[in-house]
Amino acid sequence: MPKFSRHLLIMLQKIFETDEAIGGRLHISRQAVYRMRKAYGIPSVITHNTKRNKKMIVPFRKNMPVVAIAAKFNISISSVYRIIQDACSEGEDCAFGHTAEHPEQHAVAGNQPFYLPRKA
């Protein structure tokens, strides 16, 4: 396994964020970056995702399409659904816009919300 200094790894993590991006830059696997990060005791950038996840709920409440939210935050559509579902199950207020006034615009299957486009 290649060795890089702790300082270099921290610096690269601030620039590239993911283990995969760092590995691509250093021409090593993401698993090797992960092992080095764990050996040096450097936490994952994922710990900072809680702020991003809370910011994601706001446009969701305003009925922004999940596809647009995914593009805005540069993550997959399935990740947006998972994050919103996790936030709702943790007690976050996930009410959609004016659900009580326009229930036909929204569908709920169990506790899992789904976006339906507005009627023109």
PDB file of N, CA and C in Angstrom:
ATOM      1  N   MET A   1       0.842  -1.176   0.000  1.00  0.00           N
ATOM      2  CA  MET A   1       0.000   0.000   0.000  1.00  0.00           C
ATOM      3  C   MET A   1       0.889   1.242   0.000  1.00  0.00           C
ATOM      4  N   PRO A   2       0.632   2.180  -0.888  1.00  0.00           N
ATOM      5  CA  PRO A   2       1.450   3.402  -0.922  1.00  0.00           C
ATOM      6  C   PRO A   2       1.252   4.211   0.354  1.00  0.00           C
ATOM      7  N   LYS A   3       2.268   4.920   0.734  1.00  0.00           N
ATOM      8  CA  LYS A   3       2.202   5.749   1.937  1.00  0.00           C
ATOM      9  C   LYS A   3       2.252   7.213   1.550  1.00  0.00           C
ATOM     10  N   PHE A   4       1.361   7.963   2.112  1.00  0.00           N
ATOM     11  CA  PHE A   4       1.337   9.406   1.954  1.00  0.00           C
ATOM     12  C   PHE A   4       1.225  10.009   3.345  1.00  0.00           C
ATOM     13  N   SER A   5       1.692  11.214   3.493  1.00  0.00           N
ATOM     14  CA  SER A   5       1.647  11.833   4.818  1.00  0.00           C
ATOM     15  C   SER A   5       0.207  12.151   5.207  1.00  0.00           C
ATOM     16  N   ARG A   6      -0.019  12.210   6.494  1.00  0.00           N
ATOM     17  CA  ARG A   6      -1.339  12.548   7.030  1.00  0.00           C
ATOM     18  C   ARG A   6      -1.755  13.926   6.522  1.00  0.00           C
ATOM     19  N   HIS A   7      -0.812  14.853   6.539  1.00  0.00           N
ATOM     20  CA  HIS A   7      -1.088  16.222   6.098  1.00  0.00           C
ATOM     21  C   HIS A   7      -1.546  16.250   4.638  1.00  0.00           C
ATOM     22  N   LEU A   8      -0.870  15.500   3.770  1.00  0.00           N
ATOM     23  CA  LEU A   8      -1.242  15.449   2.363  1.00  0.00           C
ATOM     24  C   LEU A   8      -2.634  14.865   2.187  1.00  0.00           C
ATOM     25  N   LEU A   9      -2.936  13.815   2.933  1.00  0.00           N
ATOM     26  CA  LEU A   9      -4.244  13.177   2.829  1.00  0.00           C
ATOM     27  C   LEU A   9      -5.360  14.126   3.278  1.00  0.00           C
ATOM     28  N   ILE A  10      -5.133  14.867   4.340  1.00  0.00           N
ATOM     29  CA  ILE A  10      -6.128  15.842   4.813  1.00  0.00           C
ATOM     30  C   ILE A  10      -6.322  16.937   3.772  1.00  0.00           C
ATOM     31  N   MET A  11      -5.231  17.420   3.208  1.00  0.00           N
ATOM     32  CA  MET A  11      -5.310  18.465   2.196  1.00  0.00           C
ATOM     33  C   MET A  11      -6.085  17.979   0.962  1.00  0.00           C
ATOM     34  N   LEU A  12      -5.784  16.768   0.514  1.00  0.00           N
ATOM     35  CA  LEU A  12      -6.484  16.213  -0.649  1.00  0.00           C
ATOM     36  C   LEU A  12      -7.963  15.975  -0.357  1.00  0.00           C
ATOM     37  N   GLN A  13      -8.265  15.595   0.878  1.00  0.00           N
ATOM     38  CA  GLN A  13      -9.654  15.357   1.244  1.00  0.00           C
ATOM     39  C   GLN A  13     -10.460  16.658   1.205  1.00  0.00           C
ATOM     40  N   LYS A  14      -9.851  17.764   1.577  1.00  0.00           N
ATOM     41  CA  LYS A  14     -10.535  19.056   1.513  1.00  0.00           C
ATOM     42  C   LYS A  14     -10.805  19.461   0.069  1.00  0.00           C
ATOM     43  N   ILE A  15      -9.904  19.090  -0.830  1.00  0.00           N
ATOM     44  CA  ILE A  15     -10.051  19.468  -2.234  1.00  0.00           C
ATOM     45  C   ILE A  15     -10.999  18.517  -2.971  1.00  0.00           C
ATOM     46  N   PHE A  16     -10.769  17.213  -2.850  1.00  0.00           N
ATOM     47  CA  PHE A  16     -11.496  16.233  -3.654  1.00  0.00           C
ATOM     48  C   PHE A  16     -12.657  15.561  -2.937  1.00  0.00           C
ATOM     49  N   GLU A  17     -12.720  15.643  -1.618  1.00  0.00           N
ATOM     50  CA  GLU A  17     -13.787  15.143  -0.757  1.00  0.00           C
ATOM     51  C   GLU A  17     -13.916  13.627  -0.684  1.00  0.00           C
ATOM     52  N   THR A  18     -14.047  12.913  -1.787  1.00  0.00           N
ATOM     53  CA  THR A  18     -14.292  11.471  -1.706  1.00  0.00           C
ATOM     54  C   THR A  18     -13.004  10.665  -1.834  1.00  0.00           C
ATOM     55  N   ASP A  19     -13.035   9.479  -1.249  1.00  0.00           N
ATOM     56  CA  ASP A  19     -11.890   8.570  -1.349  1.00  0.00           C
ATOM     57  C   ASP A  19     -11.634   8.187  -2.805  1.00  0.00           C
ATOM     58  N   GLU A  20     -12.705   8.034  -3.569  1.00  0.00           N
ATOM     59  CA  GLU A  20     -12.566   7.657  -4.973  1.00  0.00           C
ATOM     60  C   GLU A  20     -11.855   8.754  -5.771  1.00  0.00           C
ATOM     61  N   ALA A  21     -12.204  10.010  -5.528  1.00  0.00           N
ATOM     62  CA  ALA A  21     -11.574  11.123  -6.238  1.00  0.00           C
ATOM     63  C   ALA A  21     -10.105  11.259  -5.843  1.00  0.00           C
ATOM     64  N   ILE A  22      -9.811  11.077  -4.558  1.00  0.00           N
ATOM     65  CA  ILE A  22      -8.421  11.146  -4.093  1.00  0.00           C
ATOM     66  C   ILE A  22      -7.613  10.022  -4.730  1.00  0.00           C
ATOM     67  N   GLY A  23      -8.179   8.805  -4.723  1.00  0.00           N
ATOM     68  CA  GLY A  23      -7.500   7.659  -5.323  1.00  0.00           C
ATOM     69  C   GLY A  23      -7.228   7.865  -6.801  1.00  0.00           C
ATOM     70  N   GLY A  24      -8.182   8.456  -7.503  1.00  0.00           N
ATOM     71  CA  GLY A  24      -7.988   8.739  -8.921  1.00  0.00           C
ATOM     72  C   GLY A  24      -6.849   9.718  -9.154  1.00  0.00           C
ATOM     73  N   ARG A  25      -6.741  10.691  -8.296  1.00  0.00           N
ATOM     74  CA  ARG A  25      -5.677  11.692  -8.422  1.00  0.00           C
ATOM     75  C   ARG A  25      -4.306  11.092  -8.098  1.00  0.00           C
ATOM     76  N   LEU A  26      -4.265  10.175  -7.125  1.00  0.00           N
ATOM     77  CA  LEU A  26      -3.000   9.562  -6.711  1.00  0.00           C
ATOM     78  C   LEU A  26      -2.706   8.258  -7.458  1.00  0.00           C
ATOM     79  N   HIS A  27      -3.626   7.835  -8.324  1.00  0.00           N
ATOM     80  CA  HIS A  27      -3.502   6.588  -9.093  1.00  0.00           C
ATOM     81  C   HIS A  27      -3.430   5.362  -8.185  1.00  0.00           C
ATOM     82  N   ILE A  28      -4.296   5.367  -7.162  1.00  0.00           N
ATOM     83  CA  ILE A  28      -4.452   4.214  -6.277  1.00  0.00           C
ATOM     84  C   ILE A  28      -5.944   3.961  -6.111  1.00  0.00           C
ATOM     85  N   SER A  29      -6.295   2.826  -5.524  1.00  0.00           N
ATOM     86  CA  SER A  29      -7.713   2.491  -5.363  1.00  0.00           C
ATOM     87  C   SER A  29      -8.337   3.301  -4.222  1.00  0.00           C
ATOM     88  N   ARG A  30      -9.662   3.413  -4.269  1.00  0.00           N
ATOM     89  CA  ARG A  30     -10.352   4.120  -3.193  1.00  0.00           C
ATOM     90  C   ARG A  30     -10.232   3.349  -1.878  1.00  0.00           C
ATOM     91  N   GLN A  31     -10.109   2.013  -1.977  1.00  0.00           N
ATOM     92  CA  GLN A  31      -9.946   1.205  -0.776  1.00  0.00           C
ATOM     93  C   GLN A  31      -8.614   1.519  -0.094  1.00  0.00           C
ATOM     94  N   ALA A  32      -7.559   1.754  -0.890  1.00  0.00           N
ATOM     95  CA  ALA A  32      -6.258   2.106  -0.323  1.00  0.00           C
ATOM     96  C   ALA A  32      -6.336   3.455   0.381  1.00  0.00           C
ATOM     97  N   VAL A  33      -7.061   4.390  -0.209  1.00  0.00           N
ATOM     98  CA  VAL A  33      -7.245   5.704   0.434  1.00  0.00           C
ATOM     99  C   VAL A  33      -8.013   5.529   1.736  1.00  0.00           C
ATOM    100  N   TYR A  34      -9.050   4.706   1.704  1.00  0.00           N
ATOM    101  CA  TYR A  34      -9.849   4.440   2.903  1.00  0.00           C
ATOM    102  C   TYR A  34      -8.973   3.864   4.021  1.00  0.00           C
ATOM    103  N   ARG A  35      -8.145   2.874   3.673  1.00  0.00           N
ATOM    104  CA  ARG A  35      -7.281   2.249   4.688  1.00  0.00           C
ATOM    105  C   ARG A  35      -6.289   3.253   5.266  1.00  0.00           C
ATOM    106  N   MET A  36      -5.726   4.109   4.418  1.00  0.00           N
ATOM    107  CA  MET A  36      -4.793   5.133   4.917  1.00  0.00           C
ATOM    108  C   MET A  36      -5.523   6.133   5.819  1.00  0.00           C
ATOM    109  N   ARG A  37      -6.730   6.521   5.408  1.00  0.00           N
ATOM    110  CA  ARG A  37      -7.511   7.463   6.192  1.00  0.00           C
ATOM    111  C   ARG A  37      -7.818   6.886   7.571  1.00  0.00           C
ATOM    112  N   LYS A  38      -8.184   5.621   7.616  1.00  0.00           N
ATOM    113  CA  LYS A  38      -8.467   4.949   8.895  1.00  0.00           C
ATOM    114  C   LYS A  38      -7.197   4.812   9.735  1.00  0.00           C
ATOM    115  N   ALA A  39      -6.080   4.498   9.098  1.00  0.00           N
ATOM    116  CA  ALA A  39      -4.810   4.346   9.832  1.00  0.00           C
ATOM    117  C   ALA A  39      -4.384   5.666  10.472  1.00  0.00           C
ATOM    118  N   TYR A  40      -4.648   6.778   9.770  1.00  0.00           N
ATOM    119  CA  TYR A  40      -4.275   8.095  10.293  1.00  0.00           C
ATOM    120  C   TYR A  40      -5.362   8.685  11.191  1.00  0.00           C
ATOM    121  N   GLY A  41      -6.518   8.034  11.289  1.00  0.00           N
ATOM    122  CA  GLY A  41      -7.597   8.536  12.131  1.00  0.00           C
ATOM    123  C   GLY A  41      -8.309   9.754  11.559  1.00  0.00           C
ATOM    124  N   ILE A  42      -8.356   9.844  10.234  1.00  0.00           N
ATOM    125  CA  ILE A  42      -9.005  10.976   9.572  1.00  0.00           C
ATOM    126  C   ILE A  42     -10.463  10.595   9.298  1.00  0.00           C
ATOM    127  N   PRO A  43     -11.438  11.380   9.801  1.00  0.00           N
ATOM    128  CA  PRO A  43     -12.841  11.033   9.570  1.00  0.00           C
ATOM    129  C   PRO A  43     -13.251  11.261   8.120  1.00  0.00           C
ATOM    130  N   SER A  44     -14.302  10.592   7.729  1.00  0.00           N
ATOM    131  CA  SER A  44     -14.830  10.730   6.380  1.00  0.00           C
ATOM    132  C   SER A  44     -15.525  12.076   6.222  1.00  0.00           C
ATOM    133  N   VAL A  45     -15.576  12.557   5.011  1.00  0.00           N
ATOM    134  CA  VAL A  45     -16.276  13.808   4.732  1.00  0.00           C
ATOM    135  C   VAL A  45     -17.780  13.620   4.889  1.00  0.00           C
ATOM    136  N   ILE A  46     -18.230  12.383   4.884  1.00  0.00           N
ATOM    137  CA  ILE A  46     -19.652  12.088   5.024  1.00  0.00           C
ATOM    138  C   ILE A  46     -20.209  12.684   6.311  1.00  0.00           C
ATOM    139  N   THR A  47     -19.376  12.871   7.327  1.00  0.00           N
ATOM    140  CA  THR A  47     -19.857  13.459   8.573  1.00  0.00           C
ATOM    141  C   THR A  47     -20.371  14.871   8.357  1.00  0.00           C
ATOM    142  N   HIS A  48     -19.957  15.531   7.266  1.00  0.00           N
ATOM    143  CA  HIS A  48     -20.422  16.887   6.968  1.00  0.00           C
ATOM    144  C   HIS A  48     -21.720  16.874   6.163  1.00  0.00           C
ATOM    145  N   ASN A  49     -22.183  15.709   5.777  1.00  0.00           N
ATOM    146  CA  ASN A  49     -23.368  15.625   4.935  1.00  0.00           C
ATOM    147  C   ASN A  49     -24.661  15.960   5.672  1.00  0.00           C
ATOM    148  N   THR A  50     -24.650  15.990   6.995  1.00  0.00           N
ATOM    149  CA  THR A  50     -25.876  16.312   7.723  1.00  0.00           C
ATOM    150  C   THR A  50     -26.350  17.721   7.398  1.00  0.00           C
ATOM    151  N   LYS A  51     -25.424  18.652   7.220  1.00  0.00           N
ATOM    152  CA  LYS A  51     -25.804  20.023   6.844  1.00  0.00           C
ATOM    153  C   LYS A  51     -26.432  20.026   5.457  1.00  0.00           C
ATOM    154  N   ARG A  52     -25.807  19.315   4.533  1.00  0.00           N
ATOM    155  CA  ARG A  52     -26.332  19.223   3.169  1.00  0.00           C
ATOM    156  C   ARG A  52     -27.719  18.586   3.178  1.00  0.00           C
ATOM    157  N   ASN A  53     -27.888  17.532   3.968  1.00  0.00           N
ATOM    158  CA  ASN A  53     -29.160  16.828   4.005  1.00  0.00           C
ATOM    159  C   ASN A  53     -30.287  17.721   4.525  1.00  0.00           C
ATOM    160  N   LYS A  54     -29.983  18.549   5.524  1.00  0.00           N
ATOM    161  CA  LYS A  54     -31.006  19.455   6.045  1.00  0.00           C
ATOM    162  C   LYS A  54     -31.372  20.519   5.018  1.00  0.00           C
ATOM    163  N   LYS A  55     -30.388  20.947   4.228  1.00  0.00           N
ATOM    164  CA  LYS A  55     -30.664  21.928   3.175  1.00  0.00           C
ATOM    165  C   LYS A  55     -31.520  21.309   2.075  1.00  0.00           C
ATOM    166  N   MET A  56     -31.473  19.991   1.930  1.00  0.00           N
ATOM    167  CA  MET A  56     -32.197  19.300   0.882  1.00  0.00           C
ATOM    168  C   MET A  56     -33.697  19.232   1.174  1.00  0.00           C
ATOM    169  N   ILE A  57     -34.082  19.282   2.432  1.00  0.00           N
ATOM    170  CA  ILE A  57     -35.488  19.184   2.807  1.00  0.00           C
ATOM    171  C   ILE A  57     -36.260  20.430   2.375  1.00  0.00           C
ATOM    172  N   VAL A  58     -35.613  21.607   2.426  1.00  0.00           N
ATOM    173  CA  VAL A  58     -36.296  22.868   2.107  1.00  0.00           C
ATOM    174  C   VAL A  58     -36.861  22.881   0.686  1.00  0.00           C
ATOM    175  N   PRO A  59     -36.060  22.613  -0.355  1.00  0.00           N
ATOM    176  CA  PRO A  59     -36.659  22.604  -1.692  1.00  0.00           C
ATOM    177  C   PRO A  59     -37.680  21.475  -1.872  1.00  0.00           C
ATOM    178  N   PHE A  60     -37.502  20.377  -1.139  1.00  0.00           N
ATOM    179  CA  PHE A  60     -38.454  19.280  -1.216  1.00  0.00           C
ATOM    180  C   PHE A  60     -39.813  19.722  -0.697  1.00  0.00           C
ATOM    181  N   ARG A  61     -39.821  20.475   0.403  1.00  0.00           N
ATOM    182  CA  ARG A  61     -41.077  21.008   0.957  1.00  0.00           C
ATOM    183  C   ARG A  61     -41.752  21.967  -0.014  1.00  0.00           C
ATOM    184  N   LYS A  62     -40.938  22.653  -0.815  1.00  0.00           N
ATOM    185  CA  LYS A  62     -41.479  23.620  -1.774  1.00  0.00           C
ATOM    186  C   LYS A  62     -41.835  22.953  -3.101  1.00  0.00           C
ATOM    187  N   ASN A  63     -41.937  21.633  -3.078  1.00  0.00           N
ATOM    188  CA  ASN A  63     -42.339  20.829  -4.233  1.00  0.00           C
ATOM    189  C   ASN A  63     -41.364  20.892  -5.405  1.00  0.00           C
ATOM    190  N   MET A  64     -40.094  21.104  -5.120  1.00  0.00           N
ATOM    191  CA  MET A  64     -39.092  21.035  -6.183  1.00  0.00           C
ATOM    192  C   MET A  64     -38.960  19.574  -6.598  1.00  0.00           C
ATOM    193  N   PRO A  65     -38.916  19.278  -7.886  1.00  0.00           N
ATOM    194  CA  PRO A  65     -38.798  17.888  -8.327  1.00  0.00           C
ATOM    195  C   PRO A  65     -37.516  17.234  -7.796  1.00  0.00           C
ATOM    196  N   VAL A  66     -37.632  15.963  -7.481  1.00  0.00           N
ATOM    197  CA  VAL A  66     -36.494  15.221  -6.938  1.00  0.00           C
ATOM    198  C   VAL A  66     -35.325  15.224  -7.918  1.00  0.00           C
ATOM    199  N   VAL A  67     -35.624  15.192  -9.200  1.00  0.00           N
ATOM    200  CA  VAL A  67     -34.571  15.222 -10.218  1.00  0.00           C
ATOM    201  C   VAL A  67     -33.783  16.532 -10.117  1.00  0.00           C
ATOM    202  N   ALA A  68     -34.489  17.632  -9.905  1.00  0.00           N
ATOM    203  CA  ALA A  68     -33.827  18.933  -9.783  1.00  0.00           C
ATOM    204  C   ALA A  68     -33.015  19.016  -8.491  1.00  0.00           C
ATOM    205  N   ILE A  69     -33.532  18.441  -7.413  1.00  0.00           N
ATOM    206  CA  ILE A  69     -32.790  18.425  -6.142  1.00  0.00           C
ATOM    207  C   ILE A  69     -31.509  17.618  -6.310  1.00  0.00           C
ATOM    208  N   ALA A  70     -31.610  16.475  -6.975  1.00  0.00           N
ATOM    209  CA  ALA A  70     -30.435  15.630  -7.208  1.00  0.00           C
ATOM    210  C   ALA A  70     -29.380  16.384  -8.013  1.00  0.00           C
ATOM    211  N   ALA A  71     -29.820  17.107  -9.031  1.00  0.00           N
ATOM    212  CA  ALA A  71     -28.875  17.869  -9.855  1.00  0.00           C
ATOM    213  C   ALA A  71     -28.257  19.011  -9.052  1.00  0.00           C
ATOM    214  N   LYS A  72     -29.057  19.668  -8.242  1.00  0.00           N
ATOM    215  CA  LYS A  72     -28.570  20.804  -7.452  1.00  0.00           C
ATOM    216  C   LYS A  72     -27.483  20.377  -6.466  1.00  0.00           C
ATOM    217  N   PHE A  73     -27.669  19.225  -5.819  1.00  0.00           N
ATOM    218  CA  PHE A  73     -26.721  18.760  -4.815  1.00  0.00           C
ATOM    219  C   PHE A  73     -25.720  17.747  -5.365  1.00  0.00           C
ATOM    220  N   ASN A  74     -25.804  17.455  -6.662  1.00  0.00           N
ATOM    221  CA  ASN A  74     -24.874  16.552  -7.340  1.00  0.00           C
ATOM    222  C   ASN A  74     -24.845  15.156  -6.717  1.00  0.00           C
ATOM    223  N   ILE A  75     -26.039  14.618  -6.477  1.00  0.00           N
ATOM    224  CA  ILE A  75     -26.158  13.248  -5.966  1.00  0.00           C
ATOM    225  C   ILE A  75     -27.218  12.528  -6.802  1.00  0.00           C
ATOM    226  N   SER A  76     -27.349  11.233  -6.594  1.00  0.00           N
ATOM    227  CA  SER A  76     -28.308  10.459  -7.381  1.00  0.00           C
ATOM    228  C   SER A  76     -29.736  10.684  -6.879  1.00  0.00           C
ATOM    229  N   ILE A  77     -30.689  10.395  -7.746  1.00  0.00           N
ATOM    230  CA  ILE A  77     -32.099  10.541  -7.404  1.00  0.00           C
ATOM    231  C   ILE A  77     -32.465   9.609  -6.253  1.00  0.00           C
ATOM    232  N   SER A  78     -31.955   8.377  -6.299  1.00  0.00           N
ATOM    233  CA  SER A  78     -32.262   7.426  -5.222  1.00  0.00           C
ATOM    234  C   SER A  78     -31.694   7.904  -3.886  1.00  0.00           C
ATOM    235  N   SER A  79     -30.554   8.597  -3.920  1.00  0.00           N
ATOM    236  CA  SER A  79     -29.992   9.143  -2.681  1.00  0.00           C
ATOM    237  C   SER A  79     -30.884  10.237  -2.115  1.00  0.00           C
ATOM    238  N   VAL A  80     -31.468  11.049  -2.995  1.00  0.00           N
ATOM    239  CA  VAL A  80     -32.388  12.100  -2.530  1.00  0.00           C
ATOM    240  C   VAL A  80     -33.576  11.455  -1.823  1.00  0.00           C
ATOM    241  N   TYR A  81     -34.166  10.438  -2.435  1.00  0.00           N
ATOM    242  CA  TYR A  81     -35.297   9.751  -1.803  1.00  0.00           C
ATOM    243  C   TYR A  81     -34.893   9.154  -0.450  1.00  0.00           C
ATOM    244  N   ARG A  82     -33.727   8.515  -0.391  1.00  0.00           N
ATOM    245  CA  ARG A  82     -33.272   7.890   0.848  1.00  0.00           C
ATOM    246  C   ARG A  82     -33.059   8.941   1.931  1.00  0.00           C
ATOM    247  N   ILE A  83     -32.413  10.054   1.588  1.00  0.00           N
ATOM    248  CA  ILE A  83     -32.132  11.109   2.567  1.00  0.00           C
ATOM    249  C   ILE A  83     -33.426  11.711   3.084  1.00  0.00           C
ATOM    250  N   ILE A  84     -34.377  11.958   2.192  1.00  0.00           N
ATOM    251  CA  ILE A  84     -35.656  12.534   2.612  1.00  0.00           C
ATOM    252  C   ILE A  84     -36.420  11.551   3.488  1.00  0.00           C
ATOM    253  N   GLN A  85     -36.399  10.284   3.115  1.00  0.00           N
ATOM    254  CA  GLN A  85     -37.078   9.272   3.922  1.00  0.00           C
ATOM    255  C   GLN A  85     -36.442   9.171   5.304  1.00  0.00           C
ATOM    256  N   ASP A  86     -35.107   9.183   5.372  1.00  0.00           N
ATOM    257  CA  ASP A  86     -34.415   9.134   6.662  1.00  0.00           C
ATOM    258  C   ASP A  86     -34.743  10.353   7.509  1.00  0.00           C
ATOM    259  N   ALA A  87     -34.780  11.525   6.892  1.00  0.00           N
ATOM    260  CA  ALA A  87     -35.079  12.751   7.627  1.00  0.00           C
ATOM    261  C   ALA A  87     -36.496  12.719   8.175  1.00  0.00           C
ATOM    262  N   CYS A  88     -37.437  12.222   7.388  1.00  0.00           N
ATOM    263  CA  CYS A  88     -38.831  12.143   7.835  1.00  0.00           C
ATOM    264  C   CYS A  88     -38.980  11.155   8.985  1.00  0.00           C
ATOM    265  N   SER A  89     -38.248  10.044   8.922  1.00  0.00           N
ATOM    266  CA  SER A  89     -38.349   9.044   9.989  1.00  0.00           C
ATOM    267  C   SER A  89     -37.662   9.505  11.273  1.00  0.00           C
ATOM    268  N   GLU A  90     -36.759  10.498  11.169  1.00  0.00           N
ATOM    269  CA  GLU A  90     -36.083  11.030  12.350  1.00  0.00           C
ATOM    270  C   GLU A  90     -36.847  12.194  12.975  1.00  0.00           C
ATOM    271  N   GLY A  91     -38.060  12.445  12.505  1.00  0.00           N
ATOM    272  CA  GLY A  91     -38.880  13.482  13.112  1.00  0.00           C
ATOM    273  C   GLY A  91     -38.814  14.825  12.416  1.00  0.00           C
ATOM    274  N   GLU A  92     -38.085  14.924  11.322  1.00  0.00           N
ATOM    275  CA  GLU A  92     -38.013  16.169  10.557  1.00  0.00           C
ATOM    276  C   GLU A  92     -39.382  16.444   9.959  1.00  0.00           C
ATOM    277  N   ASP A  93     -39.802  17.705   9.960  1.00  0.00           N
ATOM    278  CA  ASP A  93     -41.081  18.073   9.365  1.00  0.00           C
ATOM    279  C   ASP A  93     -40.935  18.020   7.850  1.00  0.00           C
ATOM    280  N   CYS A  94     -41.524  17.023   7.229  1.00  0.00           N
ATOM    281  CA  CYS A  94     -41.372  16.819   5.790  1.00  0.00           C
ATOM    282  C   CYS A  94     -42.654  17.124   5.040  1.00  0.00           C
ATOM    283  N   ALA A  95     -43.483  17.975   5.611  1.00  0.00           N
ATOM    284  CA  ALA A  95     -44.744  18.305   4.957  1.00  0.00           C
ATOM    285  C   ALA A  95     -44.480  18.959   3.607  1.00  0.00           C
ATOM    286  N   PHE A  96     -45.278  18.601   2.644  1.00  0.00           N
ATOM    287  CA  PHE A  96     -45.168  19.170   1.307  1.00  0.00           C
ATOM    288  C   PHE A  96     -45.950  20.468   1.285  1.00  0.00           C
ATOM    289  N   GLY A  97     -45.423  21.479   0.638  1.00  0.00           N
ATOM    290  CA  GLY A  97     -46.105  22.749   0.393  1.00  0.00           C
ATOM    291  C   GLY A  97     -47.432  22.914   1.101  1.00  0.00           C
ATOM    292  N   HIS A  98     -48.540  22.788   0.379  1.00  0.00           N
ATOM    293  CA  HIS A  98     -49.873  22.965   0.935  1.00  0.00           C
ATOM    294  C   HIS A  98     -50.654  21.671   0.789  1.00  0.00           C
ATOM    295  N   THR A  99     -50.195  20.633   1.424  1.00  0.00           N
ATOM    296  CA  THR A  99     -50.806  19.317   1.285  1.00  0.00           C
ATOM    297  C   THR A  99     -52.275  19.327   1.673  1.00  0.00           C
ATOM    298  N   ALA A 100     -52.608  20.023   2.763  1.00  0.00           N
ATOM    299  CA  ALA A 100     -53.983  20.037   3.238  1.00  0.00           C
ATOM    300  C   ALA A 100     -54.908  20.712   2.225  1.00  0.00           C
ATOM    301  N   GLU A 101     -54.411  21.743   1.543  1.00  0.00           N
ATOM    302  CA  GLU A 101     -55.239  22.465   0.587  1.00  0.00           C
ATOM    303  C   GLU A 101     -55.328  21.752  -0.758  1.00  0.00           C
ATOM    304  N   HIS A 102     -54.257  21.061  -1.163  1.00  0.00           N
ATOM    305  CA  HIS A 102     -54.216  20.399  -2.461  1.00  0.00           C
ATOM    306  C   HIS A 102     -53.718  18.959  -2.331  1.00  0.00           C
ATOM    307  N   PRO A 103     -54.481  18.099  -1.679  1.00  0.00           N
ATOM    308  CA  PRO A 103     -53.996  16.726  -1.472  1.00  0.00           C
ATOM    309  C   PRO A 103     -53.831  15.938  -2.756  1.00  0.00           C
ATOM    310  N   GLU A 104     -54.503  16.336  -3.845  1.00  0.00           N
ATOM    311  CA  GLU A 104     -54.391  15.596  -5.099  1.00  0.00           C
ATOM    312  C   GLU A 104     -53.013  15.724  -5.721  1.00  0.00           C
ATOM    313  N   GLN A 105     -52.195  16.699  -5.272  1.00  0.00           N
ATOM    314  CA  GLN A 105     -50.858  16.888  -5.829  1.00  0.00           C
ATOM    315  C   GLN A 105     -49.830  15.963  -5.206  1.00  0.00           C
ATOM    316  N   HIS A 106     -50.206  15.242  -4.172  1.00  0.00           N
ATOM    317  CA  HIS A 106     -49.235  14.446  -3.433  1.00  0.00           C
ATOM    318  C   HIS A 106     -49.754  13.037  -3.212  1.00  0.00           C
ATOM    319  N   ALA A 107     -48.838  12.097  -3.189  1.00  0.00           N
ATOM    320  CA  ALA A 107     -49.192  10.711  -2.908  1.00  0.00           C
ATOM    321  C   ALA A 107     -48.303  10.218  -1.789  1.00  0.00           C
ATOM    322  N   VAL A 108     -48.865   9.425  -0.908  1.00  0.00           N
ATOM    323  CA  VAL A 108     -48.078   8.872   0.185  1.00  0.00           C
ATOM    324  C   VAL A 108     -48.366   7.380   0.248  1.00  0.00           C
ATOM    325  N   ALA A 109     -47.312   6.583   0.185  1.00  0.00           N
ATOM    326  CA  ALA A 109     -47.428   5.140   0.311  1.00  0.00           C
ATOM    327  C   ALA A 109     -46.768   4.758   1.620  1.00  0.00           C
ATOM    328  N   GLY A 110     -47.554   4.406   2.605  1.00  0.00           N
ATOM    329  CA  GLY A 110     -46.997   4.163   3.931  1.00  0.00           C
ATOM    330  C   GLY A 110     -46.475   5.474   4.480  1.00  0.00           C
ATOM    331  N   ASN A 111     -45.241   5.502   4.889  1.00  0.00           N
ATOM    332  CA  ASN A 111     -44.612   6.735   5.361  1.00  0.00           C
ATOM    333  C   ASN A 111     -43.647   7.290   4.329  1.00  0.00           C
ATOM    334  N   GLN A 112     -43.653   6.756   3.132  1.00  0.00           N
ATOM    335  CA  GLN A 112     -42.688   7.145   2.121  1.00  0.00           C
ATOM    336  C   GLN A 112     -43.310   8.152   1.149  1.00  0.00           C
ATOM    337  N   PRO A 113     -42.829   9.406   1.151  1.00  0.00           N
ATOM    338  CA  PRO A 113     -43.411  10.411   0.258  1.00  0.00           C
ATOM    339  C   PRO A 113     -42.883  10.288  -1.167  1.00  0.00           C
ATOM    340  N   PHE A 114     -43.731  10.644  -2.102  1.00  0.00           N
ATOM    341  CA  PHE A 114     -43.328  10.651  -3.500  1.00  0.00           C
ATOM    342  C   PHE A 114     -43.760  11.971  -4.123  1.00  0.00           C
ATOM    343  N   TYR A 115     -42.955  12.492  -5.015  1.00  0.00           N
ATOM    344  CA  TYR A 115     -43.283  13.736  -5.698  1.00  0.00           C
ATOM    345  C   TYR A 115     -44.145  13.453  -6.902  1.00  0.00           C
ATOM    346  N   LEU A 116     -45.209  14.204  -7.059  1.00  0.00           N
ATOM    347  CA  LEU A 116     -46.022  14.141  -8.249  1.00  0.00           C
ATOM    348  C   LEU A 116     -46.008  15.518  -8.886  1.00  0.00           C
ATOM    349  N   PRO A 117     -45.802  15.609 -10.191  1.00  0.00           N
ATOM    350  CA  PRO A 117     -45.764  16.932 -10.819  1.00  0.00           C
ATOM    351  C   PRO A 117     -47.099  17.647 -10.714  1.00  0.00           C
ATOM    352  N   ARG A 118     -47.054  18.959 -10.629  1.00  0.00           N
ATOM    353  CA  ARG A 118     -48.282  19.753 -10.545  1.00  0.00           C
ATOM    354  C   ARG A 118     -48.990  19.715 -11.882  1.00  0.00           C
ATOM    355  N   LYS A 119     -50.300  19.800 -11.809  1.00  0.00           N
ATOM    356  CA  LYS A 119     -51.106  19.852 -13.028  1.00  0.00           C
ATOM    357  C   LYS A 119     -51.035  21.256 -13.591  1.00  0.00           C
ATOM    358  N   ALA A 120     -50.828  21.362 -14.881  1.00  0.00           N
ATOM    359  CA  ALA A 120     -50.697  22.690 -15.508  1.00  0.00           C
ATOM    360  C   ALA A 120     -52.044  23.320 -15.736  1.00  0.00           C
TER     361      ALA A 120
END
